[in-house]
């Protein structure tokens, strides 16, 4: 089940990045080695900062 979840997450991330590129949005999420399914404080903070860029001054 973990393998399916990891694959699905990876594909959804790729789809999101492709859609962002198709609409002319610049997204740069650092890719880390997928050797586990846990968040570290650093990866969670980086993810949150990258996601918040898409909302502009709306949040």
PDB file of N, CA and C in Angstrom:
ATOM      1  N   UNK A   1       0.817  -1.190   0.000  1.00  0.00           N
ATOM      2  CA  UNK A   1       0.000   0.000   0.000  1.00  0.00           C
ATOM      3  C   UNK A   1       0.865   1.259   0.000  1.00  0.00           C
ATOM      4  N   UNK A   2       1.974   1.200   0.709  1.00  0.00           N
ATOM      5  CA  UNK A   2       2.866   2.357   0.774  1.00  0.00           C
ATOM      6  C   UNK A   2       3.445   2.672  -0.593  1.00  0.00           C
ATOM      7  N   UNK A   3       3.746   1.643  -1.361  1.00  0.00           N
ATOM      8  CA  UNK A   3       4.291   1.851  -2.703  1.00  0.00           C
ATOM      9  C   UNK A   3       3.273   2.545  -3.602  1.00  0.00           C
ATOM     10  N   UNK A   4       2.029   2.133  -3.522  1.00  0.00           N
ATOM     11  CA  UNK A   4       0.973   2.762  -4.327  1.00  0.00           C
ATOM     12  C   UNK A   4       0.794   4.220  -3.914  1.00  0.00           C
ATOM     13  N   UNK A   5       0.805   4.482  -2.611  1.00  0.00           N
ATOM     14  CA  UNK A   5       0.649   5.850  -2.113  1.00  0.00           C
ATOM     15  C   UNK A   5       1.803   6.731  -2.572  1.00  0.00           C
ATOM     16  N   UNK A   6       3.018   6.212  -2.513  1.00  0.00           N
ATOM     17  CA  UNK A   6       4.181   6.986  -2.954  1.00  0.00           C
ATOM     18  C   UNK A   6       4.117   7.262  -4.458  1.00  0.00           C
ATOM     19  N   UNK A   7       3.734   6.254  -5.238  1.00  0.00           N
ATOM     20  CA  UNK A   7       3.638   6.427  -6.690  1.00  0.00           C
ATOM     21  C   UNK A   7       2.555   7.447  -7.032  1.00  0.00           C
ATOM     22  N   UNK A   8       1.399   7.343  -6.365  1.00  0.00           N
ATOM     23  CA  UNK A   8       0.304   8.274  -6.616  1.00  0.00           C
ATOM     24  C   UNK A   8       0.700   9.692  -6.263  1.00  0.00           C
ATOM     25  N   UNK A   9       1.360   9.862  -5.129  1.00  0.00           N
ATOM     26  CA  UNK A   9       1.810  11.193  -4.717  1.00  0.00           C
ATOM     27  C   UNK A   9       2.786  11.764  -5.723  1.00  0.00           C
ATOM     28  N   UNK A  10       3.706  10.944  -6.193  1.00  0.00           N
ATOM     29  CA  UNK A  10       4.695  11.399  -7.174  1.00  0.00           C
ATOM     30  C   UNK A  10       4.007  11.817  -8.478  1.00  0.00           C
ATOM     31  N   UNK A  11       3.061  11.017  -8.950  1.00  0.00           N
ATOM     32  CA  UNK A  11       2.376  11.340 -10.202  1.00  0.00           C
ATOM     33  C   UNK A  11       1.517  12.595 -10.063  1.00  0.00           C
ATOM     34  N   UNK A  12       0.849  12.762  -8.926  1.00  0.00           N
ATOM     35  CA  UNK A  12       0.054  13.970  -8.712  1.00  0.00           C
ATOM     36  C   UNK A  12       0.943  15.211  -8.633  1.00  0.00           C
ATOM     37  N   UNK A  13       2.109  15.061  -8.042  1.00  0.00           N
ATOM     38  CA  UNK A  13       3.051  16.174  -7.987  1.00  0.00           C
ATOM     39  C   UNK A  13       3.523  16.536  -9.387  1.00  0.00           C
ATOM     40  N   UNK A  14       3.845  15.525 -10.191  1.00  0.00           N
ATOM     41  CA  UNK A  14       4.272  15.786 -11.566  1.00  0.00           C
ATOM     42  C   UNK A  14       3.160  16.451 -12.369  1.00  0.00           C
ATOM     43  N   UNK A  15       1.916  16.013 -12.170  1.00  0.00           N
ATOM     44  CA  UNK A  15       0.790  16.611 -12.860  1.00  0.00           C
ATOM     45  C   UNK A  15       0.619  18.071 -12.436  1.00  0.00           C
ATOM     46  N   UNK A  16       0.748  18.333 -11.158  1.00  0.00           N
ATOM     47  CA  UNK A  16       0.630  19.700 -10.668  1.00  0.00           C
ATOM     48  C   UNK A  16       1.717  20.600 -11.234  1.00  0.00           C
ATOM     49  N   UNK A  17       2.931  20.094 -11.298  1.00  0.00           N
ATOM     50  CA  UNK A  17       4.025  20.884 -11.862  1.00  0.00           C
ATOM     51  C   UNK A  17       3.804  21.122 -13.354  1.00  0.00           C
ATOM     52  N   UNK A  18       3.298  20.109 -14.056  1.00  0.00           N
ATOM     53  CA  UNK A  18       3.021  20.281 -15.481  1.00  0.00           C
ATOM     54  C   UNK A  18       1.924  21.324 -15.699  1.00  0.00           C
ATOM     55  N   UNK A  19       0.866  21.252 -14.894  1.00  0.00           N
ATOM     56  CA  UNK A  19      -0.212  22.226 -15.012  1.00  0.00           C
ATOM     57  C   UNK A  19       0.283  23.638 -14.703  1.00  0.00           C
ATOM     58  N   UNK A  20       1.123  23.762 -13.696  1.00  0.00           N
ATOM     59  CA  UNK A  20       1.679  25.077 -13.368  1.00  0.00           C
ATOM     60  C   UNK A  20       2.495  25.614 -14.539  1.00  0.00           C
ATOM     61  N   UNK A  21       3.272  24.756 -15.168  1.00  0.00           N
ATOM     62  CA  UNK A  21       4.043  25.171 -16.338  1.00  0.00           C
ATOM     63  C   UNK A  21       3.154  25.521 -17.518  1.00  0.00           C
ATOM     64  N   UNK A  22       2.061  24.781 -17.676  1.00  0.00           N
ATOM     65  CA  UNK A  22       1.147  25.038 -18.786  1.00  0.00           C
ATOM     66  C   UNK A  22       0.459  26.393 -18.638  1.00  0.00           C
ATOM     67  N   UNK A  23       0.240  26.827 -17.405  1.00  0.00           N
ATOM     68  CA  UNK A  23      -0.395  28.114 -17.165  1.00  0.00           C
ATOM     69  C   UNK A  23       0.614  29.229 -16.939  1.00  0.00           C
ATOM     70  N   UNK A  24       1.898  28.936 -17.159  1.00  0.00           N
ATOM     71  CA  UNK A  24       2.931  29.963 -17.083  1.00  0.00           C
ATOM     72  C   UNK A  24       3.375  30.310 -15.684  1.00  0.00           C
ATOM     73  N   UNK A  25       3.129  29.450 -14.720  1.00  0.00           N
ATOM     74  CA  UNK A  25       3.571  29.713 -13.357  1.00  0.00           C
ATOM     75  C   UNK A  25       4.935  29.079 -13.129  1.00  0.00           C
ATOM     76  N   UNK A  26       5.782  29.780 -12.443  1.00  0.00           N
ATOM     77  CA  UNK A  26       7.118  29.268 -12.158  1.00  0.00           C
ATOM     78  C   UNK A  26       7.112  28.567 -10.806  1.00  0.00           C
ATOM     79  N   UNK A  27       7.365  27.266 -10.820  1.00  0.00           N
ATOM     80  CA  UNK A  27       7.374  26.483  -9.592  1.00  0.00           C
ATOM     81  C   UNK A  27       8.684  25.730  -9.515  1.00  0.00           C
ATOM     82  N   UNK A  28       9.359  25.850  -8.388  1.00  0.00           N
ATOM     83  CA  UNK A  28      10.602  25.096  -8.199  1.00  0.00           C
ATOM     84  C   UNK A  28      10.579  24.448  -6.825  1.00  0.00           C
ATOM     85  N   UNK A  29      10.157  23.195  -6.781  1.00  0.00           N
ATOM     86  CA  UNK A  29      10.125  22.440  -5.538  1.00  0.00           C
ATOM     87  C   UNK A  29      11.349  21.543  -5.516  1.00  0.00           C
ATOM     88  N   UNK A  30      12.195  21.687  -4.504  1.00  0.00           N
ATOM     89  CA  UNK A  30      13.386  20.841  -4.458  1.00  0.00           C
ATOM     90  C   UNK A  30      13.011  19.366  -4.318  1.00  0.00           C
ATOM     91  N   UNK A  31      13.603  18.541  -5.144  1.00  0.00           N
ATOM     92  CA  UNK A  31      13.330  17.111  -5.116  1.00  0.00           C
ATOM     93  C   UNK A  31      14.311  16.419  -4.172  1.00  0.00           C
ATOM     94  N   UNK A  32      13.779  15.607  -3.285  1.00  0.00           N
ATOM     95  CA  UNK A  32      14.621  14.851  -2.364  1.00  0.00           C
ATOM     96  C   UNK A  32      14.503  13.373  -2.701  1.00  0.00           C
ATOM     97  N   UNK A  33      15.439  12.606  -2.235  1.00  0.00           N
ATOM     98  CA  UNK A  33      15.404  11.164  -2.459  1.00  0.00           C
ATOM     99  C   UNK A  33      14.192  10.575  -1.748  1.00  0.00           C
ATOM    100  N   UNK A  34      13.438   9.753  -2.457  1.00  0.00           N
ATOM    101  CA  UNK A  34      12.216   9.169  -1.891  1.00  0.00           C
ATOM    102  C   UNK A  34      12.538   7.837  -1.235  1.00  0.00           C
ATOM    103  N   UNK A  35      13.257   7.897  -0.117  1.00  0.00           N
ATOM    104  CA  UNK A  35      13.607   6.651   0.548  1.00  0.00           C
ATOM    105  C   UNK A  35      12.750   6.397   1.785  1.00  0.00           C
ATOM    106  N   UNK A  36      11.856   7.338   2.128  1.00  0.00           N
ATOM    107  CA  UNK A  36      10.908   7.096   3.212  1.00  0.00           C
ATOM    108  C   UNK A  36       9.703   8.009   3.047  1.00  0.00           C
ATOM    109  N   UNK A  37       8.684   7.768   3.845  1.00  0.00           N
ATOM    110  CA  UNK A  37       7.440   8.526   3.730  1.00  0.00           C
ATOM    111  C   UNK A  37       7.258   9.503   4.886  1.00  0.00           C
ATOM    112  N   UNK A  38       8.323   9.991   5.454  1.00  0.00           N
ATOM    113  CA  UNK A  38       8.197  10.879   6.600  1.00  0.00           C
ATOM    114  C   UNK A  38       8.601  12.293   6.238  1.00  0.00           C
ATOM    115  N   UNK A  39       7.984  13.250   6.902  1.00  0.00           N
ATOM    116  CA  UNK A  39       8.326  14.653   6.730  1.00  0.00           C
ATOM    117  C   UNK A  39       9.322  15.048   7.811  1.00  0.00           C
ATOM    118  N   UNK A  40      10.323  15.787   7.421  1.00  0.00           N
ATOM    119  CA  UNK A  40      11.221  16.394   8.397  1.00  0.00           C
ATOM    120  C   UNK A  40      10.797  17.846   8.529  1.00  0.00           C
ATOM    121  N   UNK A  41      11.212  18.509   9.591  1.00  0.00           N
ATOM    122  CA  UNK A  41      10.856  19.929   9.718  1.00  0.00           C
ATOM    123  C   UNK A  41      11.321  20.761   8.524  1.00  0.00           C
ATOM    124  N   UNK A  42      12.477  20.446   7.976  1.00  0.00           N
ATOM    125  CA  UNK A  42      13.000  21.211   6.841  1.00  0.00           C
ATOM    126  C   UNK A  42      12.186  20.970   5.571  1.00  0.00           C
ATOM    127  N   UNK A  43      11.853  19.707   5.276  1.00  0.00           N
ATOM    128  CA  UNK A  43      11.092  19.437   4.058  1.00  0.00           C
ATOM    129  C   UNK A  43       9.675  19.985   4.165  1.00  0.00           C
ATOM    130  N   UNK A  44       9.092  19.923   5.349  1.00  0.00           N
ATOM    131  CA  UNK A  44       7.753  20.458   5.539  1.00  0.00           C
ATOM    132  C   UNK A  44       7.756  21.979   5.385  1.00  0.00           C
ATOM    133  N   UNK A  45       8.759  22.647   5.936  1.00  0.00           N
ATOM    134  CA  UNK A  45       8.852  24.105   5.809  1.00  0.00           C
ATOM    135  C   UNK A  45       9.068  24.499   4.351  1.00  0.00           C
ATOM    136  N   UNK A  46       9.943  23.790   3.634  1.00  0.00           N
ATOM    137  CA  UNK A  46      10.187  24.097   2.222  1.00  0.00           C
ATOM    138  C   UNK A  46       8.931  23.891   1.390  1.00  0.00           C
ATOM    139  N   UNK A  47       8.210  22.828   1.672  1.00  0.00           N
ATOM    140  CA  UNK A  47       6.974  22.558   0.943  1.00  0.00           C
ATOM    141  C   UNK A  47       5.950  23.663   1.196  1.00  0.00           C
ATOM    142  N   UNK A  48       5.791  24.052   2.444  1.00  0.00           N
ATOM    143  CA  UNK A  48       4.850  25.113   2.785  1.00  0.00           C
ATOM    144  C   UNK A  48       5.212  26.436   2.131  1.00  0.00           C
ATOM    145  N   UNK A  49       6.488  26.765   2.114  1.00  0.00           N
ATOM    146  CA  UNK A  49       6.917  28.014   1.480  1.00  0.00           C
ATOM    147  C   UNK A  49       6.665  27.988  -0.015  1.00  0.00           C
ATOM    148  N   UNK A  50       6.943  26.870  -0.672  1.00  0.00           N
ATOM    149  CA  UNK A  50       6.705  26.769  -2.112  1.00  0.00           C
ATOM    150  C   UNK A  50       5.214  26.819  -2.427  1.00  0.00           C
ATOM    151  N   UNK A  51       4.391  26.157  -1.617  1.00  0.00           N
ATOM    152  CA  UNK A  51       2.954  26.160  -1.860  1.00  0.00           C
ATOM    153  C   UNK A  51       2.370  27.556  -1.651  1.00  0.00           C
ATOM    154  N   UNK A  52       2.881  28.294  -0.686  1.00  0.00           N
ATOM    155  CA  UNK A  52       2.325  29.619  -0.418  1.00  0.00           C
ATOM    156  C   UNK A  52       2.624  30.615  -1.517  1.00  0.00           C
ATOM    157  N   UNK A  53       3.612  30.343  -2.349  1.00  0.00           N
ATOM    158  CA  UNK A  53       3.922  31.244  -3.466  1.00  0.00           C
ATOM    159  C   UNK A  53       2.763  31.314  -4.454  1.00  0.00           C
ATOM    160  N   UNK A  54       2.002  30.246  -4.568  1.00  0.00           N
ATOM    161  CA  UNK A  54       0.915  30.205  -5.521  1.00  0.00           C
ATOM    162  C   UNK A  54      -0.277  31.059  -5.127  1.00  0.00           C
ATOM    163  N   UNK A  55      -0.360  31.460  -3.864  1.00  0.00           N
ATOM    164  CA  UNK A  55      -1.501  32.232  -3.399  1.00  0.00           C
ATOM    165  C   UNK A  55      -1.254  33.739  -3.445  1.00  0.00           C
ATOM    166  N   UNK A  56      -0.027  34.154  -3.706  1.00  0.00           N
ATOM    167  CA  UNK A  56       0.271  35.581  -3.778  1.00  0.00           C
ATOM    168  C   UNK A  56       0.003  36.271  -2.449  1.00  0.00           C
ATOM    169  N   UNK A  57      -0.617  37.447  -2.508  1.00  0.00           N
ATOM    170  CA  UNK A  57      -0.896  38.189  -1.284  1.00  0.00           C
ATOM    171  C   UNK A  57      -2.278  37.852  -0.732  1.00  0.00           C
ATOM    172  N   UNK A  58      -2.909  36.831  -1.275  1.00  0.00           N
ATOM    173  CA  UNK A  58      -4.250  36.453  -0.855  1.00  0.00           C
ATOM    174  C   UNK A  58      -4.319  35.843   0.521  1.00  0.00           C
ATOM    175  N   UNK A  59      -3.216  35.324   1.030  1.00  0.00           N
ATOM    176  CA  UNK A  59      -3.249  34.687   2.365  1.00  0.00           C
ATOM    177  C   UNK A  59      -2.548  35.534   3.377  1.00  0.00           C
TER     178      UNK A  59
END
